[in-house]
Amino acid sequence: MQGLLALQRYFEFHGRSARAEYWQYFGLYVLACAIAYLLDLAFSGPYATPTLTIIVWLAGIVPGYAVSVRRLHDRDRTGRWMILSAILGGATLLLSLAAFQARYTTLGGVLAQVANIPNIANFVLSIFLLVQVVKRGTDGSNQYGSDPLVDATPAPTFADLASRAQSAAANAGINVPPPARRPTEGDPLEQIERLAKLRDAGMLTDEEFAQQKAAYLSRL
């Protein structure tokens, strides 16, 4: 569940996030808010302050903002677009409140009209941001980091594992002679047997052994 990764990266505004992390997080966020609201209704009633809902909503703002910034980075876009959106939204809210306070005056009508300017601008910006988070990120590394869809640590080859085992044996003071010859692609059973010996000697983990064994069995 990549959506939980956004919670682990709570205050992380650098790097990149793929679409799965972004959409799964906001799906979980909406679900958590809905459950909190239902609990508030069940225990506090429809007319009480929805305390739990407010707490959940506030707790999810920062990771939501952070994963949105990283999603823009994945598209090779600056996260400052999110700051601009927040500024436009705040300006619309303040102007609307001022217009409401002066609703029976000429100034109130003027303020209401002025409030439409940042509101429309924020609507256009929201469309632009929606397009960015829907699209796939740039292939490979960009100025904000490596591609989150690419595994930066490929599976070790047999030569890597054998070299690692030789190094571990040397560090432990164990005299292990090198293999007489490197297994060829034509004898996968022999390679599996060698891997099993390395695993039994504690020089390979069970996960590494299983990974390499599966690769060699697929060649039979």
C-alpha atoms as a PDB file:
ATOM      1  CA  MET A   1       0.000   0.000   0.000  1.00  0.00           C
ATOM      2  CA  GLN A   2       1.938   2.968  -1.321  1.00  0.00           C
ATOM      3  CA  GLY A   3      -0.556   5.412   0.178  1.00  0.00           C
ATOM      4  CA  LEU A   4       0.906   4.711   3.624  1.00  0.00           C
ATOM      5  CA  LEU A   5       4.305   5.769   2.297  1.00  0.00           C
ATOM      6  CA  ALA A   6       3.034   9.362   2.222  1.00  0.00           C
ATOM      7  CA  LEU A   7       2.548   9.185   5.998  1.00  0.00           C
ATOM      8  CA  GLN A   8       6.097   7.915   6.461  1.00  0.00           C
ATOM      9  CA  ARG A   9       7.292  10.886   4.381  1.00  0.00           C
ATOM     10  CA  TYR A  10       5.132  13.283   6.426  1.00  0.00           C
ATOM     11  CA  PHE A  11       7.362  16.374   6.218  1.00  0.00           C
ATOM     12  CA  GLU A  12       9.329  15.373   3.120  1.00  0.00           C
ATOM     13  CA  PHE A  13       8.961  18.018   0.417  1.00  0.00           C
ATOM     14  CA  HIS A  14      11.880  16.898  -1.725  1.00  0.00           C
ATOM     15  CA  GLY A  15      12.166  13.947  -4.078  1.00  0.00           C
ATOM     16  CA  ARG A  16       9.460  12.402  -6.237  1.00  0.00           C
ATOM     17  CA  SER A  17       6.269  10.379  -5.769  1.00  0.00           C
ATOM     18  CA  ALA A  18       4.538   8.188  -8.337  1.00  0.00           C
ATOM     19  CA  ARG A  19       0.823   8.312  -9.103  1.00  0.00           C
ATOM     20  CA  ALA A  20       0.022   5.263  -6.963  1.00  0.00           C
ATOM     21  CA  GLU A  21       1.368   6.919  -3.809  1.00  0.00           C
ATOM     22  CA  TYR A  22      -0.539  10.135  -4.535  1.00  0.00           C
ATOM     23  CA  TRP A  23      -3.962   8.677  -5.350  1.00  0.00           C
ATOM     24  CA  GLN A  24      -3.851   5.947  -2.720  1.00  0.00           C
ATOM     25  CA  TYR A  25      -3.004   8.484  -0.033  1.00  0.00           C
ATOM     26  CA  PHE A  26      -5.909  10.758  -0.886  1.00  0.00           C
ATOM     27  CA  GLY A  27      -8.228   7.755  -1.128  1.00  0.00           C
ATOM     28  CA  LEU A  28      -7.205   6.743   2.396  1.00  0.00           C
ATOM     29  CA  TYR A  29      -7.508  10.369   3.538  1.00  0.00           C
ATOM     30  CA  VAL A  30     -11.084  10.706   2.305  1.00  0.00           C
ATOM     31  CA  LEU A  31     -11.972   7.326   3.811  1.00  0.00           C
ATOM     32  CA  ALA A  32     -10.450   8.296   7.181  1.00  0.00           C
ATOM     33  CA  CYS A  33     -12.372  11.592   7.211  1.00  0.00           C
ATOM     34  CA  ALA A  34     -15.619   9.774   6.378  1.00  0.00           C
ATOM     35  CA  ILE A  35     -15.105   7.227   9.159  1.00  0.00           C
ATOM     36  CA  ALA A  36     -14.242   9.997  11.630  1.00  0.00           C
ATOM     37  CA  TYR A  37     -17.420  11.880  10.668  1.00  0.00           C
ATOM     38  CA  LEU A  38     -19.548   8.774  11.169  1.00  0.00           C
ATOM     39  CA  LEU A  39     -17.976   8.240  14.585  1.00  0.00           C
ATOM     40  CA  ASP A  40     -18.688  11.856  15.498  1.00  0.00           C
ATOM     41  CA  LEU A  41     -22.325  11.395  14.498  1.00  0.00           C
ATOM     42  CA  ALA A  42     -22.583   8.150  16.455  1.00  0.00           C
ATOM     43  CA  PHE A  43     -21.054   9.412  19.701  1.00  0.00           C
ATOM     44  CA  SER A  44     -21.673  13.185  19.661  1.00  0.00           C
ATOM     45  CA  GLY A  45     -24.791  13.672  17.565  1.00  0.00           C
ATOM     46  CA  PRO A  46     -25.420  15.768  14.440  1.00  0.00           C
ATOM     47  CA  TYR A  47     -25.338  19.153  16.231  1.00  0.00           C
ATOM     48  CA  ALA A  48     -22.088  18.781  18.183  1.00  0.00           C
ATOM     49  CA  THR A  49     -18.710  19.922  16.936  1.00  0.00           C
ATOM     50  CA  PRO A  50     -17.177  17.070  14.855  1.00  0.00           C
ATOM     51  CA  THR A  51     -13.959  17.030  16.860  1.00  0.00           C
ATOM     52  CA  LEU A  52     -12.560  13.763  15.529  1.00  0.00           C
ATOM     53  CA  THR A  53     -13.261  14.773  11.937  1.00  0.00           C
ATOM     54  CA  ILE A  54     -11.439  18.073  12.404  1.00  0.00           C
ATOM     55  CA  ILE A  55      -8.441  16.298  13.961  1.00  0.00           C
ATOM     56  CA  VAL A  56      -8.203  13.790  11.095  1.00  0.00           C
ATOM     57  CA  TRP A  57      -8.651  16.541   8.504  1.00  0.00           C
ATOM     58  CA  LEU A  58      -5.900  18.704  10.029  1.00  0.00           C
ATOM     59  CA  ALA A  59      -3.551  15.733  10.468  1.00  0.00           C
ATOM     60  CA  GLY A  60      -3.763  14.921   6.752  1.00  0.00           C
ATOM     61  CA  ILE A  61      -3.095  18.406   5.385  1.00  0.00           C
ATOM     62  CA  VAL A  62       0.704  18.391   5.679  1.00  0.00           C
ATOM     63  CA  PRO A  63       1.354  14.927   4.144  1.00  0.00           C
ATOM     64  CA  GLY A  64      -1.222  15.728   1.459  1.00  0.00           C
ATOM     65  CA  TYR A  65       0.593  18.929   0.587  1.00  0.00           C
ATOM     66  CA  ALA A  66       3.970  17.148   0.671  1.00  0.00           C
ATOM     67  CA  VAL A  67       2.897  14.275  -1.602  1.00  0.00           C
ATOM     68  CA  SER A  68       1.363  16.819  -4.008  1.00  0.00           C
ATOM     69  CA  VAL A  69       4.687  18.672  -4.186  1.00  0.00           C
ATOM     70  CA  ARG A  70       6.553  15.405  -4.807  1.00  0.00           C
ATOM     71  CA  ARG A  71       4.003  14.452  -7.484  1.00  0.00           C
ATOM     72  CA  LEU A  72       4.750  17.720  -9.280  1.00  0.00           C
ATOM     73  CA  HIS A  73       8.455  16.956  -8.940  1.00  0.00           C
ATOM     74  CA  ASP A  74       7.794  13.604 -10.615  1.00  0.00           C
ATOM     75  CA  ARG A  75       6.463  15.597 -13.563  1.00  0.00           C
ATOM     76  CA  ASP A  76       9.600  17.797 -13.417  1.00  0.00           C
ATOM     77  CA  ARG A  77       7.486  20.727 -12.188  1.00  0.00           C
ATOM     78  CA  THR A  78       8.259  23.016  -9.288  1.00  0.00           C
ATOM     79  CA  GLY A  79       6.304  22.589  -6.055  1.00  0.00           C
ATOM     80  CA  ARG A  80       5.814  26.361  -5.896  1.00  0.00           C
ATOM     81  CA  TRP A  81       2.625  25.865  -7.901  1.00  0.00           C
ATOM     82  CA  MET A  82       1.087  24.517  -4.700  1.00  0.00           C
ATOM     83  CA  ILE A  83       2.107  27.685  -2.830  1.00  0.00           C
ATOM     84  CA  LEU A  84       0.486  29.818  -5.517  1.00  0.00           C
ATOM     85  CA  SER A  85      -2.706  27.771  -5.264  1.00  0.00           C
ATOM     86  CA  ALA A  86      -2.771  28.266  -1.478  1.00  0.00           C
ATOM     87  CA  ILE A  87      -2.238  32.020  -1.872  1.00  0.00           C
ATOM     88  CA  LEU A  88      -5.060  32.346  -4.407  1.00  0.00           C
ATOM     89  CA  GLY A  89      -7.375  30.273  -2.225  1.00  0.00           C
ATOM     90  CA  GLY A  90      -6.551  32.389   0.837  1.00  0.00           C
ATOM     91  CA  ALA A  91      -7.097  35.615  -1.077  1.00  0.00           C
ATOM     92  CA  THR A  92     -10.489  34.398  -2.297  1.00  0.00           C
ATOM     93  CA  LEU A  93     -11.515  33.446   1.235  1.00  0.00           C
ATOM     94  CA  LEU A  94     -10.440  36.756   2.789  1.00  0.00           C
ATOM     95  CA  LEU A  95     -12.098  38.862   0.089  1.00  0.00           C
ATOM     96  CA  SER A  96     -15.286  36.816   0.334  1.00  0.00           C
ATOM     97  CA  LEU A  97     -15.411  37.260   4.123  1.00  0.00           C
ATOM     98  CA  ALA A  98     -14.843  41.007   3.735  1.00  0.00           C
ATOM     99  CA  ALA A  99     -17.593  41.186   1.110  1.00  0.00           C
ATOM    100  CA  PHE A 100     -19.956  39.322   3.431  1.00  0.00           C
ATOM    101  CA  GLN A 101     -19.245  41.704   6.286  1.00  0.00           C
ATOM    102  CA  ALA A 102     -20.005  44.675   4.018  1.00  0.00           C
ATOM    103  CA  ARG A 103     -22.785  42.959   2.072  1.00  0.00           C
ATOM    104  CA  TYR A 104     -25.235  45.853   2.450  1.00  0.00           C
ATOM    105  CA  THR A 105     -22.816  48.472   1.155  1.00  0.00           C
ATOM    106  CA  THR A 106     -21.351  49.418  -2.195  1.00  0.00           C
ATOM    107  CA  LEU A 107     -17.946  48.262  -0.965  1.00  0.00           C
ATOM    108  CA  GLY A 108     -19.371  44.815  -0.338  1.00  0.00           C
ATOM    109  CA  GLY A 109     -20.427  44.490  -3.973  1.00  0.00           C
ATOM    110  CA  VAL A 110     -17.018  45.633  -5.176  1.00  0.00           C
ATOM    111  CA  LEU A 111     -15.232  43.185  -2.905  1.00  0.00           C
ATOM    112  CA  ALA A 112     -17.459  40.363  -4.116  1.00  0.00           C
ATOM    113  CA  GLN A 113     -16.485  41.135  -7.706  1.00  0.00           C
ATOM    114  CA  VAL A 114     -12.791  41.403  -6.831  1.00  0.00           C
ATOM    115  CA  ALA A 115     -12.958  38.035  -5.044  1.00  0.00           C
ATOM    116  CA  ASN A 116     -13.858  36.430  -8.366  1.00  0.00           C
ATOM    117  CA  ILE A 117     -10.432  37.270  -9.799  1.00  0.00           C
ATOM    118  CA  PRO A 118      -8.292  34.990  -7.570  1.00  0.00           C
ATOM    119  CA  ASN A 119     -11.129  32.461  -7.541  1.00  0.00           C
ATOM    120  CA  ILE A 120     -11.106  32.107 -11.333  1.00  0.00           C
ATOM    121  CA  ALA A 121      -7.304  32.105 -11.408  1.00  0.00           C
ATOM    122  CA  ASN A 122      -7.241  29.318  -8.824  1.00  0.00           C
ATOM    123  CA  PHE A 123      -9.788  27.325 -10.838  1.00  0.00           C
ATOM    124  CA  VAL A 124      -7.573  27.498 -13.932  1.00  0.00           C
ATOM    125  CA  LEU A 125      -4.536  26.583 -11.844  1.00  0.00           C
ATOM    126  CA  SER A 126      -6.423  23.631 -10.338  1.00  0.00           C
ATOM    127  CA  ILE A 127      -7.066  22.240 -13.823  1.00  0.00           C
ATOM    128  CA  PHE A 128      -3.366  22.552 -14.631  1.00  0.00           C
ATOM    129  CA  LEU A 129      -2.412  20.787 -11.387  1.00  0.00           C
ATOM    130  CA  LEU A 130      -4.970  18.035 -11.974  1.00  0.00           C
ATOM    131  CA  VAL A 131      -3.463  17.333 -15.380  1.00  0.00           C
ATOM    132  CA  GLN A 132      -0.008  17.093 -13.807  1.00  0.00           C
ATOM    133  CA  VAL A 133      -0.967  14.618 -11.073  1.00  0.00           C
ATOM    134  CA  VAL A 134      -2.884  12.436 -13.547  1.00  0.00           C
ATOM    135  CA  LYS A 135      -0.012  12.123 -16.004  1.00  0.00           C
ATOM    136  CA  ARG A 136       2.856   9.684 -15.617  1.00  0.00           C
ATOM    137  CA  GLY A 137       6.121  11.094 -14.302  1.00  0.00           C
ATOM    138  CA  THR A 138       9.148  11.747 -16.443  1.00  0.00           C
ATOM    139  CA  ASP A 139      11.184   8.693 -17.432  1.00  0.00           C
ATOM    140  CA  GLY A 140      14.463   8.325 -15.603  1.00  0.00           C
ATOM    141  CA  SER A 141      16.011  10.884 -13.296  1.00  0.00           C
ATOM    142  CA  ASN A 142      15.165  14.564 -13.410  1.00  0.00           C
ATOM    143  CA  GLN A 143      16.288  17.614 -11.435  1.00  0.00           C
ATOM    144  CA  TYR A 144      14.273  16.464  -8.393  1.00  0.00           C
ATOM    145  CA  GLY A 145      15.625  12.924  -8.080  1.00  0.00           C
ATOM    146  CA  SER A 146      15.499   9.411  -9.486  1.00  0.00           C
ATOM    147  CA  ASP A 147      12.446   7.803 -11.073  1.00  0.00           C
ATOM    148  CA  PRO A 148      10.290   6.264  -8.293  1.00  0.00           C
ATOM    149  CA  LEU A 149       9.115   3.554 -10.703  1.00  0.00           C
ATOM    150  CA  VAL A 150      12.648   2.300 -11.337  1.00  0.00           C
ATOM    151  CA  ASP A 151      14.274  -0.050  -8.824  1.00  0.00           C
ATOM    152  CA  ALA A 152      17.622   1.522  -8.064  1.00  0.00           C
ATOM    153  CA  THR A 153      18.988  -1.749  -6.621  1.00  0.00           C
ATOM    154  CA  PRO A 154      18.795  -4.568  -9.211  1.00  0.00           C
ATOM    155  CA  ALA A 155      18.925  -8.180  -8.156  1.00  0.00           C
ATOM    156  CA  PRO A 156      22.497  -9.417  -7.624  1.00  0.00           C
ATOM    157  CA  THR A 157      23.952 -11.769 -10.223  1.00  0.00           C
ATOM    158  CA  PHE A 158      25.607 -15.079  -9.436  1.00  0.00           C
ATOM    159  CA  ALA A 159      29.018 -13.440  -9.808  1.00  0.00           C
ATOM    160  CA  ASP A 160      28.012 -10.738  -7.317  1.00  0.00           C
ATOM    161  CA  LEU A 161      26.819 -13.325  -4.812  1.00  0.00           C
ATOM    162  CA  ALA A 162      29.936 -15.459  -5.212  1.00  0.00           C
ATOM    163  CA  SER A 163      32.187 -12.426  -4.781  1.00  0.00           C
ATOM    164  CA  ARG A 164      30.244 -11.344  -1.700  1.00  0.00           C
ATOM    165  CA  ALA A 165      30.524 -14.840  -0.232  1.00  0.00           C
ATOM    166  CA  GLN A 166      34.290 -14.908  -0.850  1.00  0.00           C
ATOM    167  CA  SER A 167      34.685 -11.531   0.842  1.00  0.00           C
ATOM    168  CA  ALA A 168      32.605 -12.612   3.834  1.00  0.00           C
ATOM    169  CA  ALA A 169      34.643 -15.783   4.198  1.00  0.00           C
ATOM    170  CA  ALA A 170      37.917 -13.860   4.001  1.00  0.00           C
ATOM    171  CA  ASN A 171      36.750 -11.378   6.651  1.00  0.00           C
ATOM    172  CA  ALA A 172      35.763 -14.289   8.914  1.00  0.00           C
ATOM    173  CA  GLY A 173      39.170 -15.932   8.472  1.00  0.00           C
ATOM    174  CA  ILE A 174      37.754 -18.906   6.579  1.00  0.00           C
ATOM    175  CA  ASN A 175      39.865 -20.289   3.773  1.00  0.00           C
ATOM    176  CA  VAL A 176      37.424 -20.954   0.970  1.00  0.00           C
ATOM    177  CA  PRO A 177      39.049 -21.825  -2.359  1.00  0.00           C
ATOM    178  CA  PRO A 178      37.539 -20.149  -5.394  1.00  0.00           C
ATOM    179  CA  PRO A 179      35.383 -22.309  -7.655  1.00  0.00           C
ATOM    180  CA  ALA A 180      37.265 -24.259 -10.288  1.00  0.00           C
ATOM    181  CA  ARG A 181      35.145 -22.680 -12.979  1.00  0.00           C
ATOM    182  CA  ARG A 182      32.266 -20.277 -13.230  1.00  0.00           C
ATOM    183  CA  PRO A 183      28.959 -22.080 -13.849  1.00  0.00           C
ATOM    184  CA  THR A 184      27.730 -21.666 -17.371  1.00  0.00           C
ATOM    185  CA  GLU A 185      24.262 -20.870 -18.591  1.00  0.00           C
ATOM    186  CA  GLY A 186      23.865 -24.530 -19.613  1.00  0.00           C
ATOM    187  CA  ASP A 187      23.967 -26.054 -16.130  1.00  0.00           C
ATOM    188  CA  PRO A 188      21.395 -24.288 -13.905  1.00  0.00           C
ATOM    189  CA  LEU A 189      21.185 -27.291 -11.549  1.00  0.00           C
ATOM    190  CA  GLU A 190      24.872 -27.004 -10.811  1.00  0.00           C
ATOM    191  CA  GLN A 191      24.479 -23.301 -10.101  1.00  0.00           C
ATOM    192  CA  ILE A 192      21.570 -23.999  -7.738  1.00  0.00           C
ATOM    193  CA  GLU A 193      23.689 -26.585  -5.924  1.00  0.00           C
ATOM    194  CA  ARG A 194      26.484 -24.071  -5.488  1.00  0.00           C
ATOM    195  CA  LEU A 195      24.024 -21.454  -4.212  1.00  0.00           C
ATOM    196  CA  ALA A 196      22.622 -23.959  -1.706  1.00  0.00           C
ATOM    197  CA  LYS A 197      26.120 -24.574  -0.333  1.00  0.00           C
ATOM    198  CA  LEU A 198      26.676 -20.835   0.049  1.00  0.00           C
ATOM    199  CA  ARG A 199      23.330 -20.496   1.811  1.00  0.00           C
ATOM    200  CA  ASP A 200      24.045 -23.422   4.145  1.00  0.00           C
ATOM    201  CA  ALA A 201      27.358 -21.807   5.002  1.00  0.00           C
ATOM    202  CA  GLY A 202      25.516 -18.663   6.039  1.00  0.00           C
ATOM    203  CA  MET A 203      26.996 -16.586   3.242  1.00  0.00           C
ATOM    204  CA  LEU A 204      23.670 -15.992   1.456  1.00  0.00           C
ATOM    205  CA  THR A 205      20.280 -15.116   2.847  1.00  0.00           C
ATOM    206  CA  ASP A 206      17.234 -17.288   2.169  1.00  0.00           C
ATOM    207  CA  GLU A 207      15.740 -14.461   0.112  1.00  0.00           C
ATOM    208  CA  GLU A 208      18.805 -14.188  -2.132  1.00  0.00           C
ATOM    209  CA  PHE A 209      18.918 -17.967  -2.567  1.00  0.00           C
ATOM    210  CA  ALA A 210      15.209 -18.169  -3.467  1.00  0.00           C
ATOM    211  CA  GLN A 211      15.525 -15.304  -5.947  1.00  0.00           C
ATOM    212  CA  GLN A 212      18.463 -16.836  -7.789  1.00  0.00           C
ATOM    213  CA  LYS A 213      16.999 -20.362  -7.634  1.00  0.00           C
ATOM    214  CA  ALA A 214      13.785 -19.180  -9.298  1.00  0.00           C
ATOM    215  CA  ALA A 215      15.802 -17.502 -12.047  1.00  0.00           C
ATOM    216  CA  TYR A 216      17.782 -20.663 -12.780  1.00  0.00           C
ATOM    217  CA  LEU A 217      14.751 -22.989 -12.628  1.00  0.00           C
ATOM    218  CA  SER A 218      13.024 -20.868 -15.253  1.00  0.00           C
ATOM    219  CA  ARG A 219      15.791 -21.869 -17.691  1.00  0.00           C
ATOM    220  CA  LEU A 220      15.142 -25.608 -17.366  1.00  0.00           C
END
